[in-house]
């Protein structure tokens, strides 16, 4: 059995947090799709003359987009953030 160093343990915990955040986002997206299809069906069945389903769709879309931005762009360990850090480090290395 390999012994894990504290660094590997910390990296593992960070990776697990990132994976958990991404899974929750995917769950959120799936619920978003299913519930908005249900609201569309209810709207078209019971009041097709007045379309209202897009209002909750619009509000929830903003929430889902902000959740996705937080998970994939802002969160520590996100690929976009990691690329930005690497780019800045490369700039700093060229200056010195």
N, C-alpha and C. Protein backbone atom coordinates (compact mmCIF):
# COMPACT_ATOMS: atom_id res chain seq x y z
N UNK A 1 0.84 -1.18 0.00
CA UNK A 1 0.00 0.00 0.00
C UNK A 1 0.88 1.24 0.00
N UNK A 2 0.56 2.18 -0.85
CA UNK A 2 1.32 3.42 -0.93
C UNK A 2 0.87 4.37 0.17
N UNK A 3 1.84 5.01 0.78
CA UNK A 3 1.51 6.01 1.78
C UNK A 3 1.28 7.35 1.09
N UNK A 4 0.21 8.01 1.47
CA UNK A 4 -0.08 9.30 0.88
C UNK A 4 0.61 10.39 1.67
N UNK A 5 1.21 11.30 0.95
CA UNK A 5 1.82 12.45 1.62
C UNK A 5 0.72 13.46 1.89
N UNK A 6 0.97 14.38 2.82
CA UNK A 6 -0.05 15.39 3.11
C UNK A 6 -0.44 16.21 1.87
N UNK A 7 0.51 16.46 0.98
CA UNK A 7 0.21 17.23 -0.22
C UNK A 7 -0.78 16.47 -1.09
N UNK A 8 -0.55 15.17 -1.27
CA UNK A 8 -1.47 14.37 -2.07
C UNK A 8 -2.84 14.30 -1.42
N UNK A 9 -2.88 14.24 -0.10
CA UNK A 9 -4.16 14.22 0.61
C UNK A 9 -4.92 15.52 0.37
N UNK A 10 -4.23 16.64 0.45
CA UNK A 10 -4.86 17.94 0.22
C UNK A 10 -5.33 18.05 -1.23
N UNK A 11 -4.48 17.62 -2.16
CA UNK A 11 -4.87 17.64 -3.58
C UNK A 11 -6.08 16.75 -3.82
N UNK A 12 -6.10 15.60 -3.17
CA UNK A 12 -7.23 14.68 -3.31
C UNK A 12 -8.51 15.32 -2.78
N UNK A 13 -8.42 15.94 -1.62
CA UNK A 13 -9.61 16.60 -1.04
C UNK A 13 -10.09 17.73 -1.94
N UNK A 14 -9.16 18.51 -2.50
CA UNK A 14 -9.55 19.59 -3.41
C UNK A 14 -10.20 19.04 -4.67
N UNK A 15 -9.63 17.96 -5.20
CA UNK A 15 -10.21 17.33 -6.38
C UNK A 15 -11.61 16.80 -6.08
N UNK A 16 -11.80 16.22 -4.92
CA UNK A 16 -13.12 15.70 -4.53
C UNK A 16 -14.14 16.84 -4.41
N UNK A 17 -13.71 17.97 -3.85
CA UNK A 17 -14.61 19.12 -3.74
C UNK A 17 -15.01 19.62 -5.11
N UNK A 18 -14.05 19.67 -6.03
CA UNK A 18 -14.34 20.13 -7.39
C UNK A 18 -15.30 19.17 -8.08
N UNK A 19 -15.06 17.89 -7.96
CA UNK A 19 -15.94 16.88 -8.57
C UNK A 19 -17.34 16.99 -7.98
N UNK A 20 -17.42 17.14 -6.67
CA UNK A 20 -18.73 17.26 -6.01
C UNK A 20 -19.48 18.49 -6.53
N UNK A 21 -18.77 19.62 -6.67
CA UNK A 21 -19.40 20.85 -7.17
C UNK A 21 -19.90 20.66 -8.59
N UNK A 22 -19.11 19.98 -9.43
CA UNK A 22 -19.54 19.74 -10.81
C UNK A 22 -20.73 18.81 -10.87
N UNK A 23 -20.73 17.77 -10.04
CA UNK A 23 -21.87 16.85 -10.02
C UNK A 23 -23.15 17.56 -9.57
N UNK A 24 -23.05 18.43 -8.57
CA UNK A 24 -24.22 19.19 -8.14
C UNK A 24 -24.72 20.10 -9.25
N UNK A 25 -23.80 20.69 -10.03
CA UNK A 25 -24.22 21.52 -11.15
C UNK A 25 -24.96 20.68 -12.19
N UNK A 26 -24.43 19.49 -12.52
CA UNK A 26 -25.10 18.63 -13.49
C UNK A 26 -26.48 18.20 -12.99
N UNK A 27 -26.58 17.92 -11.68
CA UNK A 27 -27.87 17.59 -11.09
C UNK A 27 -28.82 18.78 -11.22
N UNK A 28 -28.34 19.98 -10.92
CA UNK A 28 -29.13 21.21 -11.03
C UNK A 28 -29.61 21.39 -12.47
N UNK A 29 -28.73 21.16 -13.45
CA UNK A 29 -29.10 21.30 -14.86
C UNK A 29 -30.16 20.29 -15.26
N UNK A 30 -30.04 19.06 -14.78
CA UNK A 30 -31.03 18.03 -15.10
C UNK A 30 -32.39 18.37 -14.52
N UNK A 31 -32.42 18.82 -13.27
CA UNK A 31 -33.69 19.21 -12.65
C UNK A 31 -34.28 20.40 -13.39
N UNK A 32 -33.45 21.34 -13.79
CA UNK A 32 -33.87 22.51 -14.56
C UNK A 32 -34.59 22.07 -15.84
N UNK A 33 -33.99 21.15 -16.57
CA UNK A 33 -34.59 20.69 -17.83
C UNK A 33 -35.92 20.00 -17.59
N UNK A 34 -35.93 19.06 -16.66
CA UNK A 34 -37.16 18.30 -16.40
C UNK A 34 -38.28 19.21 -15.91
N UNK A 35 -37.98 20.06 -14.95
CA UNK A 35 -39.03 20.91 -14.37
C UNK A 35 -39.55 21.93 -15.37
N UNK A 36 -38.67 22.46 -16.21
CA UNK A 36 -39.14 23.43 -17.20
C UNK A 36 -39.97 22.76 -18.28
N UNK A 37 -39.66 21.52 -18.62
CA UNK A 37 -40.52 20.77 -19.55
C UNK A 37 -41.89 20.50 -18.92
N UNK A 38 -41.91 20.19 -17.62
CA UNK A 38 -43.18 19.98 -16.92
C UNK A 38 -43.99 21.28 -16.91
N UNK A 39 -43.33 22.40 -16.60
CA UNK A 39 -44.06 23.68 -16.59
C UNK A 39 -44.59 24.03 -17.97
N UNK A 40 -43.81 23.75 -19.02
CA UNK A 40 -44.28 23.99 -20.39
C UNK A 40 -45.51 23.14 -20.68
N UNK A 41 -45.48 21.87 -20.32
CA UNK A 41 -46.61 20.98 -20.55
C UNK A 41 -47.85 21.45 -19.80
N UNK A 42 -47.67 21.83 -18.53
CA UNK A 42 -48.81 22.32 -17.73
C UNK A 42 -49.37 23.59 -18.35
N UNK A 43 -48.47 24.50 -18.75
CA UNK A 43 -48.91 25.75 -19.36
C UNK A 43 -49.71 25.48 -20.63
N UNK A 44 -49.21 24.63 -21.51
CA UNK A 44 -49.88 24.37 -22.78
C UNK A 44 -51.18 23.59 -22.61
N UNK A 45 -51.25 22.76 -21.57
CA UNK A 45 -52.47 21.98 -21.35
C UNK A 45 -53.58 22.82 -20.71
N UNK A 46 -53.25 23.60 -19.68
CA UNK A 46 -54.29 24.28 -18.89
C UNK A 46 -54.52 25.73 -19.26
N UNK A 47 -53.56 26.39 -19.85
CA UNK A 47 -53.79 27.78 -20.26
C UNK A 47 -52.96 28.12 -21.50
N UNK A 48 -53.25 27.45 -22.62
CA UNK A 48 -52.45 27.68 -23.84
C UNK A 48 -52.60 29.08 -24.41
N UNK A 49 -53.68 29.76 -24.05
CA UNK A 49 -53.89 31.12 -24.56
C UNK A 49 -52.97 32.14 -23.88
N UNK A 50 -52.47 31.81 -22.69
CA UNK A 50 -51.56 32.70 -21.95
C UNK A 50 -50.28 31.93 -21.65
N UNK A 51 -49.22 32.31 -22.34
CA UNK A 51 -47.94 31.64 -22.10
C UNK A 51 -47.22 32.32 -20.94
N UNK A 52 -47.00 31.55 -19.88
CA UNK A 52 -46.31 32.07 -18.70
C UNK A 52 -45.06 31.28 -18.35
N UNK A 53 -44.87 30.10 -18.98
CA UNK A 53 -43.79 29.19 -18.59
C UNK A 53 -42.41 29.83 -18.73
N UNK A 54 -42.27 30.78 -19.64
CA UNK A 54 -40.95 31.35 -19.88
C UNK A 54 -40.47 32.26 -18.75
N UNK A 55 -41.36 32.75 -17.90
CA UNK A 55 -40.92 33.61 -16.79
C UNK A 55 -40.11 32.82 -15.76
N UNK A 56 -40.62 31.68 -15.27
CA UNK A 56 -39.76 30.91 -14.37
C UNK A 56 -38.53 30.35 -15.10
N UNK A 57 -38.68 30.04 -16.38
CA UNK A 57 -37.55 29.57 -17.17
C UNK A 57 -36.45 30.63 -17.21
N UNK A 58 -36.84 31.87 -17.42
CA UNK A 58 -35.87 32.97 -17.46
C UNK A 58 -35.18 33.16 -16.12
N UNK A 59 -35.95 33.19 -15.05
CA UNK A 59 -35.36 33.38 -13.72
C UNK A 59 -34.43 32.23 -13.34
N UNK A 60 -34.87 31.02 -13.58
CA UNK A 60 -34.07 29.85 -13.24
C UNK A 60 -32.82 29.78 -14.12
N UNK A 61 -32.94 30.23 -15.37
CA UNK A 61 -31.77 30.24 -16.27
C UNK A 61 -30.66 31.13 -15.72
N UNK A 62 -31.04 32.26 -15.15
CA UNK A 62 -30.05 33.16 -14.54
C UNK A 62 -29.37 32.45 -13.37
N UNK A 63 -30.14 31.78 -12.55
CA UNK A 63 -29.58 31.03 -11.42
C UNK A 63 -28.67 29.91 -11.87
N UNK A 64 -29.08 29.17 -12.89
CA UNK A 64 -28.26 28.07 -13.41
C UNK A 64 -26.97 28.60 -14.03
N UNK A 65 -27.07 29.69 -14.77
CA UNK A 65 -25.88 30.28 -15.38
C UNK A 65 -24.90 30.76 -14.31
N UNK A 66 -25.42 31.37 -13.26
CA UNK A 66 -24.53 31.83 -12.19
C UNK A 66 -23.91 30.66 -11.46
N UNK A 67 -24.65 29.59 -11.28
CA UNK A 67 -24.12 28.37 -10.66
C UNK A 67 -23.00 27.79 -11.53
N UNK A 68 -23.25 27.71 -12.82
CA UNK A 68 -22.23 27.20 -13.75
C UNK A 68 -20.99 28.06 -13.77
N UNK A 69 -21.17 29.37 -13.74
CA UNK A 69 -20.02 30.28 -13.72
C UNK A 69 -19.21 30.08 -12.46
N UNK A 70 -19.89 29.92 -11.34
CA UNK A 70 -19.19 29.71 -10.08
C UNK A 70 -18.42 28.40 -10.08
N UNK A 71 -18.99 27.36 -10.64
CA UNK A 71 -18.35 26.04 -10.64
C UNK A 71 -17.21 25.97 -11.64
N UNK A 72 -17.42 26.48 -12.86
CA UNK A 72 -16.45 26.26 -13.93
C UNK A 72 -15.48 27.41 -14.14
N UNK A 73 -15.77 28.59 -13.63
CA UNK A 73 -14.88 29.72 -13.89
C UNK A 73 -14.25 30.29 -12.62
N UNK A 74 -14.98 30.38 -11.56
CA UNK A 74 -14.50 31.08 -10.37
C UNK A 74 -13.90 30.15 -9.33
N UNK A 75 -14.46 28.99 -9.18
CA UNK A 75 -14.05 28.05 -8.14
C UNK A 75 -12.57 27.70 -8.23
N UNK A 76 -11.93 27.61 -7.08
CA UNK A 76 -10.53 27.20 -7.05
C UNK A 76 -10.40 25.82 -7.66
N UNK A 77 -9.49 25.67 -8.59
CA UNK A 77 -9.30 24.41 -9.28
C UNK A 77 -10.06 24.33 -10.59
N UNK A 78 -10.84 25.37 -10.93
CA UNK A 78 -11.56 25.34 -12.20
C UNK A 78 -10.57 25.50 -13.34
N UNK A 79 -10.91 24.95 -14.48
CA UNK A 79 -9.99 24.97 -15.61
C UNK A 79 -9.72 26.39 -16.11
N UNK A 80 -10.74 27.23 -16.15
CA UNK A 80 -10.54 28.60 -16.60
C UNK A 80 -9.64 29.35 -15.63
N UNK A 81 -9.92 29.21 -14.36
CA UNK A 81 -9.10 29.89 -13.36
C UNK A 81 -7.66 29.37 -13.41
N UNK A 82 -7.50 28.07 -13.57
CA UNK A 82 -6.17 27.47 -13.64
C UNK A 82 -5.40 28.01 -14.83
N UNK A 83 -6.05 28.12 -15.98
CA UNK A 83 -5.38 28.66 -17.18
C UNK A 83 -4.97 30.11 -16.96
N UNK A 84 -5.83 30.88 -16.30
CA UNK A 84 -5.51 32.29 -16.03
C UNK A 84 -4.30 32.40 -15.11
N UNK A 85 -4.24 31.55 -14.09
CA UNK A 85 -3.11 31.55 -13.16
C UNK A 85 -1.82 31.19 -13.90
N UNK A 86 -1.90 30.14 -14.74
CA UNK A 86 -0.72 29.73 -15.49
C UNK A 86 -0.25 30.83 -16.44
N UNK A 87 -1.18 31.53 -17.06
CA UNK A 87 -0.84 32.63 -17.96
C UNK A 87 -0.14 33.76 -17.21
N UNK A 88 -0.66 34.10 -16.04
CA UNK A 88 -0.04 35.15 -15.23
C UNK A 88 1.34 34.74 -14.75
N UNK A 89 1.48 33.46 -14.38
CA UNK A 89 2.79 32.98 -13.93
C UNK A 89 3.79 33.04 -15.08
N UNK A 90 3.35 32.72 -16.29
CA UNK A 90 4.24 32.78 -17.45
C UNK A 90 4.66 34.22 -17.73
N UNK A 91 3.72 35.16 -17.58
CA UNK A 91 4.05 36.58 -17.77
C UNK A 91 5.09 37.04 -16.75
N UNK A 92 4.88 36.62 -15.49
CA UNK A 92 5.80 37.01 -14.43
C UNK A 92 7.18 36.41 -14.65
N UNK A 93 7.25 35.19 -15.16
CA UNK A 93 8.54 34.56 -15.43
C UNK A 93 9.27 35.26 -16.56
N UNK A 94 8.55 35.79 -17.55
CA UNK A 94 9.18 36.49 -18.66
C UNK A 94 9.73 37.84 -18.20
N UNK A 95 9.08 38.46 -17.24
CA UNK A 95 9.53 39.76 -16.72
C UNK A 95 10.83 39.65 -15.93
N UNK A 96 11.03 38.54 -15.25
CA UNK A 96 12.22 38.40 -14.41
C UNK A 96 13.37 37.75 -15.13
